[in-house]
Amino acid sequence: MTADQRTTLNQAGRDYRRIESALDWMCVNYQSQPRLSDVADKAGLSEFHFQRLFHRWVGLSPKKFIQYLTLRRAKQCLSKSQTVLDATYESGLSSPGRLHDLFVNMESVTPGEFKSHGRGMQIVYGVHDTPYSKWVVAKNERGVCGLRFVSEAGIDQALVELEAGFENAQWTEDEAVAGQLTEQIFGASSHTAPITALVRGTAFELKVWEALLTIPTGAVTTYADVARRIGHPKSARAVGNAIGKNPLAYLIPCHRVIQRSGVLGGYRWGTPRKLGMLTRELTVGFDNL
């Protein structure tokens, strides 16, 4: 990664943190139809700078974002997404999943690696900025085995979660590897190199995560629909549990699953982050569905 690319990525991470509190506040107070001055004041910015920063990061104005929060757009996207997903799902499970222009091949750990909690594996890890705040990254010679956004609990807790299931592996810190992988996922280089995802989970969880890889950018689906697509139509709650255990934030796009009513539902790394990612994706991708 070049110095310019690193600067751009770090700035994107700072932009997200700058408006995250504003997004959270808008989610709580949108029904009162707050003015631009109200939200800018909460962000500690002038109206001009807040409007500019907000539009650059989210892709629409604060006023339109407030309108979006009525859930009408989410419901429209949910309805429109179904025909797209019906067409892509059949081929999606037998071919690499597509996320943006990023191809993801998902592999499971071996039974021996599963049972021994990673004994004999060599894993490198690091912390890096993303457009959605910092995350921790882990990979070995076979693929990416952990991606966790840093929550309010802090980096140490994110690292504890990252090591879960691989406690007996040999862990080595490498910030350069973390930066390269982050750039591959979020930067311009995502147009070329495929990524192998190495995951540890039950057969049911693997099936759910595999299904999530078929949800294209700009589309959303429901827990019940994922359950139907994997052949377990009465297991929406179990699907939700599997989604909550997603080991690869953003790469396996669990943020694209919402409730049938259009309500976003929960997110392992915070609803404001889920809302931010979906708003950015739906604004860009809705008209292309």
Protein backbone atom coordinates (compact mmCIF):
# COMPACT_ATOMS: atom_id res chain seq x y z
CA MET A 1 0.00 0.00 0.00
CA THR A 2 1.38 3.44 -0.92
CA ALA A 3 1.62 6.33 1.51
CA ASP A 4 -1.16 8.16 -0.35
CA GLN A 5 -3.46 5.14 -0.17
CA ARG A 6 -2.74 4.74 3.54
CA THR A 7 -3.48 8.43 4.17
CA THR A 8 -6.76 8.19 2.25
CA LEU A 9 -7.87 5.10 4.18
CA ASN A 10 -6.94 6.60 7.54
CA GLN A 11 -8.83 9.79 6.69
CA ALA A 12 -11.89 7.72 5.78
CA GLY A 13 -11.73 6.06 9.18
CA ARG A 14 -11.54 9.43 10.93
CA ASP A 15 -14.50 10.69 8.89
CA TYR A 16 -16.59 7.74 10.05
CA ARG A 17 -15.77 8.32 13.70
CA ARG A 18 -16.55 12.03 13.30
CA ILE A 19 -20.11 11.43 12.16
CA GLU A 20 -20.88 8.16 13.96
CA SER A 21 -22.33 10.01 16.95
CA ALA A 22 -24.42 12.14 14.58
CA LEU A 23 -25.78 9.03 12.87
CA ASP A 24 -26.65 7.52 16.23
CA TRP A 25 -28.38 10.73 17.34
CA MET A 26 -30.35 10.96 14.09
CA CYS A 27 -31.54 7.37 14.49
CA VAL A 28 -32.99 8.25 17.89
CA ASN A 29 -34.38 11.69 17.03
CA TYR A 30 -35.45 11.50 13.38
CA GLN A 31 -39.16 11.58 14.21
CA SER A 32 -38.78 15.16 15.46
CA GLN A 33 -37.40 16.09 12.01
CA PRO A 34 -34.25 17.82 13.33
CA ARG A 35 -32.76 20.71 11.37
CA LEU A 36 -29.32 20.66 9.81
CA SER A 37 -28.10 23.04 12.51
CA ASP A 38 -29.24 20.63 15.24
CA VAL A 39 -27.32 17.67 13.81
CA ALA A 40 -24.23 19.71 12.91
CA ASP A 41 -24.12 21.00 16.48
CA LYS A 42 -24.18 17.42 17.82
CA ALA A 43 -21.24 16.59 15.55
CA GLY A 44 -19.32 19.67 16.65
CA LEU A 45 -19.08 21.03 13.10
CA SER A 46 -20.39 24.00 11.18
CA GLU A 47 -23.44 23.37 9.02
CA PHE A 48 -21.34 23.77 5.87
CA HIS A 49 -18.63 21.32 6.91
CA PHE A 50 -21.05 18.80 8.36
CA GLN A 51 -23.21 18.79 5.22
CA ARG A 52 -20.13 18.32 3.06
CA LEU A 53 -18.63 15.56 5.22
CA PHE A 54 -21.96 13.78 5.62
CA HIS A 55 -22.66 13.77 1.89
CA ARG A 56 -19.15 12.55 1.08
CA TRP A 57 -19.38 9.65 3.50
CA VAL A 58 -23.05 8.62 3.25
CA GLY A 59 -23.74 9.67 -0.33
CA LEU A 60 -26.80 11.82 0.35
CA SER A 61 -27.74 14.90 2.34
CA PRO A 62 -28.66 14.82 6.06
CA LYS A 63 -32.23 15.78 5.07
CA LYS A 64 -32.55 12.81 2.72
CA PHE A 65 -31.02 10.56 5.34
CA ILE A 66 -33.75 11.60 7.78
CA GLN A 67 -36.31 10.73 5.14
CA TYR A 68 -34.61 7.37 4.64
CA LEU A 69 -35.08 6.60 8.31
CA THR A 70 -38.83 6.39 7.79
CA LEU A 71 -37.94 2.90 6.42
CA ARG A 72 -39.82 3.42 3.18
CA ARG A 73 -36.65 3.05 1.18
CA ALA A 74 -35.62 -0.05 3.11
CA LYS A 75 -39.00 -1.62 2.40
CA GLN A 76 -38.71 -0.75 -1.29
CA CYS A 77 -35.26 -2.30 -1.44
CA LEU A 78 -36.45 -5.38 0.39
CA SER A 79 -39.22 -5.92 -2.14
CA LYS A 80 -37.06 -5.19 -5.15
CA SER A 81 -34.17 -7.33 -3.90
CA GLN A 82 -36.14 -10.56 -3.97
CA THR A 83 -36.12 -10.95 -7.75
CA VAL A 84 -32.39 -10.24 -7.83
CA LEU A 85 -31.68 -12.76 -5.09
CA ASP A 86 -33.88 -15.39 -6.71
CA ALA A 87 -31.77 -15.05 -9.85
CA THR A 88 -28.35 -14.99 -8.15
CA TYR A 89 -28.81 -17.53 -5.40
CA GLU A 90 -28.98 -20.61 -7.60
CA SER A 91 -25.61 -19.93 -9.18
CA GLY A 92 -24.20 -18.27 -6.07
CA LEU A 93 -23.85 -21.42 -3.99
CA SER A 94 -21.91 -23.20 -6.70
CA SER A 95 -19.59 -20.34 -7.58
CA PRO A 96 -17.55 -17.70 -5.72
CA GLY A 97 -19.65 -15.15 -3.83
CA ARG A 98 -19.49 -11.58 -5.10
CA LEU A 99 -19.11 -8.58 -2.81
CA HIS A 100 -18.70 -5.30 -4.71
CA ASP A 101 -16.03 -6.35 -7.24
CA LEU A 102 -14.50 -8.69 -4.71
CA PHE A 103 -14.63 -12.45 -5.17
CA VAL A 104 -14.71 -14.48 -1.96
CA ASN A 105 -14.05 -18.21 -1.81
CA MET A 106 -15.10 -19.66 1.54
CA GLU A 107 -13.36 -22.70 3.00
CA SER A 108 -13.87 -24.48 6.31
CA VAL A 109 -11.12 -25.38 8.74
CA THR A 110 -10.26 -29.08 8.82
CA PRO A 111 -11.84 -31.31 11.50
CA GLY A 112 -8.43 -31.52 13.17
CA GLU A 113 -8.02 -27.73 13.23
CA PHE A 114 -11.55 -27.38 14.57
CA LYS A 115 -11.00 -29.88 17.38
CA SER A 116 -7.54 -28.61 18.38
CA HIS A 117 -8.57 -24.92 18.28
CA GLY A 118 -5.96 -24.15 15.65
CA ARG A 119 -2.98 -26.01 17.06
CA GLY A 120 -0.15 -25.94 14.52
CA MET A 121 -1.59 -22.97 12.61
CA GLN A 122 0.46 -19.80 12.04
CA ILE A 123 -1.75 -16.69 12.12
CA VAL A 124 -0.75 -13.06 11.57
CA TYR A 125 -2.94 -10.22 12.80
CA GLY A 126 -3.08 -6.45 12.97
CA VAL A 127 -5.28 -3.40 13.58
CA HIS A 128 -6.17 -0.97 10.80
CA ASP A 129 -8.55 1.85 9.95
CA THR A 130 -11.51 1.24 7.62
CA PRO A 131 -14.27 3.58 6.39
CA TYR A 132 -16.27 2.27 9.38
CA SER A 133 -13.67 2.76 12.16
CA LYS A 134 -10.85 0.45 13.16
CA TRP A 135 -10.96 -3.30 12.83
CA VAL A 136 -8.68 -6.21 13.67
CA VAL A 137 -7.60 -8.58 10.92
CA ALA A 138 -6.29 -12.15 11.06
CA LYS A 139 -5.09 -14.46 8.27
CA ASN A 140 -2.88 -17.45 7.69
CA GLU A 141 -1.41 -19.09 4.59
CA ARG A 142 -4.85 -20.48 3.63
CA GLY A 143 -6.91 -17.33 3.93
CA VAL A 144 -8.55 -14.65 6.06
CA CYS A 145 -9.72 -16.19 9.33
CA GLY A 146 -10.94 -13.19 11.32
CA LEU A 147 -12.30 -9.66 10.80
CA ARG A 148 -13.74 -7.75 13.76
CA PHE A 149 -14.73 -4.11 14.03
CA VAL A 150 -13.49 -2.47 17.21
CA SER A 151 -16.50 -1.66 19.39
CA GLU A 152 -16.82 0.43 22.53
CA ALA A 153 -15.27 -2.49 24.44
CA GLY A 154 -11.96 -1.62 22.79
CA ILE A 155 -9.20 -3.30 20.82
CA ASP A 156 -8.30 -5.81 23.54
CA GLN A 157 -11.82 -7.25 23.51
CA ALA A 158 -11.80 -7.38 19.71
CA LEU A 159 -8.56 -9.37 19.85
CA VAL A 160 -10.07 -11.79 22.38
CA GLU A 161 -12.99 -12.37 20.02
CA LEU A 162 -10.60 -12.73 17.09
CA GLU A 163 -8.70 -15.54 18.79
CA ALA A 164 -11.84 -17.48 19.72
CA GLY A 165 -11.63 -20.94 18.19
CA PHE A 166 -7.95 -20.50 17.33
CA GLU A 167 -6.56 -20.14 20.86
CA ASN A 168 -3.86 -22.76 20.29
CA ALA A 169 -2.50 -21.23 17.08
CA GLN A 170 0.72 -19.21 17.01
CA TRP A 171 -0.21 -15.53 16.69
CA THR A 172 2.18 -12.91 15.25
CA GLU A 173 1.41 -9.20 14.90
CA ASP A 174 1.96 -7.74 11.43
CA GLU A 175 0.44 -4.32 10.74
CA ALA A 176 1.60 -4.39 7.11
CA VAL A 177 -0.46 -7.50 6.38
CA ALA A 178 -3.48 -5.89 8.06
CA GLY A 179 -3.06 -2.80 5.90
CA GLN A 180 -2.70 -4.78 2.68
CA LEU A 181 -5.81 -6.84 3.36
CA THR A 182 -7.83 -3.78 4.35
CA GLU A 183 -6.79 -2.05 1.15
CA GLN A 184 -7.73 -5.15 -0.86
CA ILE A 185 -11.22 -5.17 0.66
CA PHE A 186 -11.98 -1.44 0.67
CA GLY A 187 -9.55 0.02 -1.88
CA ALA A 188 -9.08 0.07 -5.63
CA SER A 189 -7.20 -3.23 -5.66
CA SER A 190 -10.45 -5.07 -4.80
CA HIS A 191 -11.15 -5.25 -8.55
CA THR A 192 -8.64 -8.03 -9.11
CA ALA A 193 -7.35 -10.43 -6.49
CA PRO A 194 -9.79 -12.98 -5.04
CA ILE A 195 -9.88 -13.58 -1.29
CA THR A 196 -10.11 -16.94 0.41
CA ALA A 197 -12.06 -16.89 3.68
CA LEU A 198 -11.12 -19.58 6.20
CA VAL A 199 -13.95 -20.00 8.71
CA ARG A 200 -14.69 -22.15 11.74
CA GLY A 201 -18.34 -23.05 12.32
CA THR A 202 -21.00 -25.73 12.34
CA ALA A 203 -22.39 -27.12 9.08
CA PHE A 204 -25.52 -24.99 9.54
CA GLU A 205 -23.52 -21.81 10.20
CA LEU A 206 -21.36 -22.41 7.13
CA LYS A 207 -24.49 -22.79 5.03
CA VAL A 208 -25.88 -19.49 6.33
CA TRP A 209 -22.61 -17.61 5.77
CA GLU A 210 -22.33 -19.07 2.29
CA ALA A 211 -25.84 -17.81 1.51
CA LEU A 212 -24.92 -14.31 2.72
CA LEU A 213 -22.15 -14.14 0.12
CA THR A 214 -24.80 -14.22 -2.61
CA ILE A 215 -26.46 -10.97 -1.47
CA PRO A 216 -25.18 -8.29 -3.87
CA THR A 217 -24.35 -4.71 -2.98
CA GLY A 218 -27.51 -2.59 -2.92
CA ALA A 219 -29.75 -5.53 -1.97
CA VAL A 220 -31.18 -6.58 1.39
CA THR A 221 -33.01 -9.68 2.52
CA THR A 222 -34.68 -11.05 5.66
CA TYR A 223 -33.77 -13.71 8.18
CA ALA A 224 -36.78 -15.76 7.06
CA ASP A 225 -35.76 -15.56 3.43
CA VAL A 226 -32.22 -16.73 4.19
CA ALA A 227 -33.75 -19.66 6.11
CA ARG A 228 -35.95 -20.51 3.11
CA ARG A 229 -33.06 -20.31 0.67
CA ILE A 230 -30.88 -22.75 2.61
CA GLY A 231 -33.73 -25.26 2.89
CA HIS A 232 -34.73 -24.58 6.53
CA PRO A 233 -37.82 -22.36 6.19
CA LYS A 234 -38.76 -22.68 9.87
CA SER A 235 -35.31 -21.80 11.19
CA ALA A 236 -35.26 -18.00 10.94
CA ARG A 237 -34.25 -17.69 14.60
CA ALA A 238 -31.38 -20.15 14.11
CA VAL A 239 -30.32 -18.18 11.04
CA GLY A 240 -30.23 -15.04 13.17
CA ASN A 241 -28.01 -16.81 15.70
CA ALA A 242 -25.64 -17.93 12.93
CA ILE A 243 -25.50 -14.43 11.50
CA GLY A 244 -24.64 -13.12 14.97
CA LYS A 245 -21.59 -15.41 14.95
CA ASN A 246 -20.28 -14.18 11.60
CA PRO A 247 -16.47 -14.30 11.95
CA LEU A 248 -15.72 -11.98 9.01
CA ALA A 249 -17.24 -8.53 9.41
CA TYR A 250 -18.23 -6.84 6.15
CA LEU A 251 -16.59 -9.54 4.00
CA ILE A 252 -19.49 -11.88 4.79
CA PRO A 253 -22.22 -9.21 4.47
CA CYS A 254 -24.49 -10.01 7.40
CA HIS A 255 -25.36 -6.29 7.58
CA ARG A 256 -27.59 -6.83 4.51
CA VAL A 257 -30.08 -8.94 6.47
CA ILE A 258 -32.95 -6.98 8.05
CA GLN A 259 -36.37 -7.71 9.53
CA ARG A 260 -39.36 -8.32 7.27
CA SER A 261 -40.99 -5.09 8.51
CA GLY A 262 -38.06 -3.05 7.20
CA VAL A 263 -36.60 -2.49 10.67
CA LEU A 264 -32.84 -2.98 10.56
CA GLY A 265 -32.59 -5.38 13.49
CA GLY A 266 -29.44 -5.80 15.54
CA TYR A 267 -25.83 -5.93 14.46
CA ARG A 268 -22.92 -7.50 16.25
CA TRP A 269 -20.80 -4.37 15.87
CA GLY A 270 -23.50 -1.77 16.50
CA THR A 271 -26.67 -0.66 14.71
CA PRO A 272 -25.26 2.78 13.72
CA ARG A 273 -22.46 1.03 11.83
CA LYS A 274 -24.97 -1.28 10.11
CA LEU A 275 -27.13 1.71 9.22
CA GLY A 276 -24.14 3.57 7.82
CA MET A 277 -23.04 0.65 5.64
CA LEU A 278 -26.55 -0.02 4.35
CA THR A 279 -27.27 3.63 3.63
CA ARG A 280 -24.12 3.91 1.59
CA GLU A 281 -24.79 0.69 -0.31
CA LEU A 282 -28.53 1.17 -0.86
CA THR A 283 -28.11 4.75 -2.03
CA VAL A 284 -25.59 3.66 -4.66
CA GLY A 285 -26.99 0.26 -5.53
CA PHE A 286 -30.80 0.56 -5.37
CA ASP A 287 -31.28 1.89 -8.89
CA ASN A 288 -29.02 -0.82 -10.30
CA LEU A 289 -31.10 -3.72 -8.92
